[in-house]
């Protein structure tokens, strides 16, 4: 699970980095402001997923085999959500 969590955290960090890109100025269009708001929301969600993944990984120590399998599935699912956030944040920069 540690490898999956590490990969998911890499994706989360990418989402969080995008939050700071292309901050709209005073003359920004509504589309630019909306894109920035989306990146801010995605970065906050990525931070929450990072906290969830930390808890999931910590819980793995005392997990049964069945629980471990479920936790691995949840970590993979969370990584999918983070990739979706990354794609959405990237789309606001095009």
Protein backbone atom coordinates (compact mmCIF):
# COMPACT_ATOMS: atom_id res chain seq x y z
CA UNK A 1 0.00 0.00 0.00
CA UNK A 2 2.94 2.34 0.63
CA UNK A 3 3.83 2.40 -3.08
CA UNK A 4 0.25 3.27 -4.03
CA UNK A 5 0.08 5.98 -1.37
CA UNK A 6 3.40 7.43 -2.56
CA UNK A 7 2.17 7.55 -6.15
CA UNK A 8 -1.13 9.11 -5.08
CA UNK A 9 0.74 11.72 -3.03
CA UNK A 10 2.82 12.59 -6.10
CA UNK A 11 -0.38 13.23 -8.05
CA UNK A 12 -1.81 15.25 -5.13
CA UNK A 13 1.33 17.42 -5.02
CA UNK A 14 0.95 18.09 -8.75
CA UNK A 15 -2.65 19.20 -8.19
CA UNK A 16 -1.57 21.46 -5.31
CA UNK A 17 1.23 23.00 -7.42
CA UNK A 18 -1.28 23.91 -10.13
CA UNK A 19 -3.20 26.00 -7.59
CA UNK A 20 -0.44 28.61 -7.74
CA UNK A 21 -0.15 28.78 -11.52
CA UNK A 22 -1.61 31.65 -13.51
CA UNK A 23 -3.18 33.55 -10.63
CA UNK A 24 -5.71 35.91 -12.25
CA UNK A 25 -4.97 39.60 -12.07
CA UNK A 26 -7.34 42.54 -11.78
CA UNK A 27 -8.12 42.43 -15.51
CA UNK A 28 -8.71 38.67 -15.63
CA UNK A 29 -11.65 37.31 -17.56
CA UNK A 30 -14.46 35.49 -15.81
CA UNK A 31 -13.14 32.26 -17.34
CA UNK A 32 -9.67 32.86 -15.87
CA UNK A 33 -11.14 33.59 -12.43
CA UNK A 34 -13.32 30.49 -12.64
CA UNK A 35 -10.34 28.36 -13.65
CA UNK A 36 -8.37 29.65 -10.69
CA UNK A 37 -11.28 28.91 -8.34
CA UNK A 38 -11.46 25.36 -9.70
CA UNK A 39 -7.71 24.88 -9.14
CA UNK A 40 -8.05 26.19 -5.58
CA UNK A 41 -10.92 23.80 -4.85
CA UNK A 42 -9.06 20.89 -6.45
CA UNK A 43 -5.94 21.66 -4.37
CA UNK A 44 -7.99 21.69 -1.17
CA UNK A 45 -9.61 18.39 -2.11
CA UNK A 46 -6.15 16.94 -2.89
CA UNK A 47 -4.97 17.96 0.60
CA UNK A 48 -7.97 16.19 2.11
CA UNK A 49 -7.20 13.06 0.08
CA UNK A 50 -3.61 13.19 1.34
CA UNK A 51 -4.87 13.17 4.93
CA UNK A 52 -7.19 10.27 4.10
CA UNK A 53 -4.32 8.32 2.55
CA UNK A 54 -2.13 8.92 5.63
CA UNK A 55 -4.90 7.49 7.84
CA UNK A 56 -5.44 4.58 5.47
CA UNK A 57 -1.75 3.72 5.45
CA UNK A 58 -1.51 3.97 9.25
CA UNK A 59 -4.50 1.65 9.61
CA UNK A 60 -2.80 -0.97 7.47
CA UNK A 61 -0.54 -2.03 10.36
CA UNK A 62 -3.37 -3.71 12.27
CA UNK A 63 -5.44 -4.84 9.29
CA UNK A 64 -6.48 -8.37 8.48
CA UNK A 65 -5.75 -9.70 5.00
CA UNK A 66 -9.29 -8.92 3.87
CA UNK A 67 -9.11 -5.42 5.34
CA UNK A 68 -5.74 -4.94 3.68
CA UNK A 69 -7.18 -5.85 0.29
CA UNK A 70 -10.04 -3.41 0.83
CA UNK A 71 -7.63 -0.66 1.86
CA UNK A 72 -5.51 -1.24 -1.25
CA UNK A 73 -8.66 -0.92 -3.37
CA UNK A 74 -9.55 2.31 -1.56
CA UNK A 75 -6.03 3.70 -2.10
CA UNK A 76 -6.25 2.88 -5.82
CA UNK A 77 -9.69 4.47 -6.01
CA UNK A 78 -8.38 7.59 -4.28
CA UNK A 79 -5.50 7.76 -6.75
CA UNK A 80 -8.09 7.69 -9.55
CA UNK A 81 -9.93 10.60 -7.95
CA UNK A 82 -6.66 12.53 -7.67
CA UNK A 83 -5.89 11.91 -11.35
CA UNK A 84 -9.34 13.26 -12.21
CA UNK A 85 -8.56 16.39 -10.16
CA UNK A 86 -5.23 16.77 -11.93
CA UNK A 87 -6.87 16.47 -15.34
CA UNK A 88 -9.55 18.98 -14.41
CA UNK A 89 -7.02 21.46 -13.01
CA UNK A 90 -4.82 21.09 -16.09
CA UNK A 91 -7.82 21.71 -18.33
CA UNK A 92 -8.34 25.15 -16.73
CA UNK A 93 -4.90 26.20 -17.99
CA UNK A 94 -5.61 25.56 -21.67
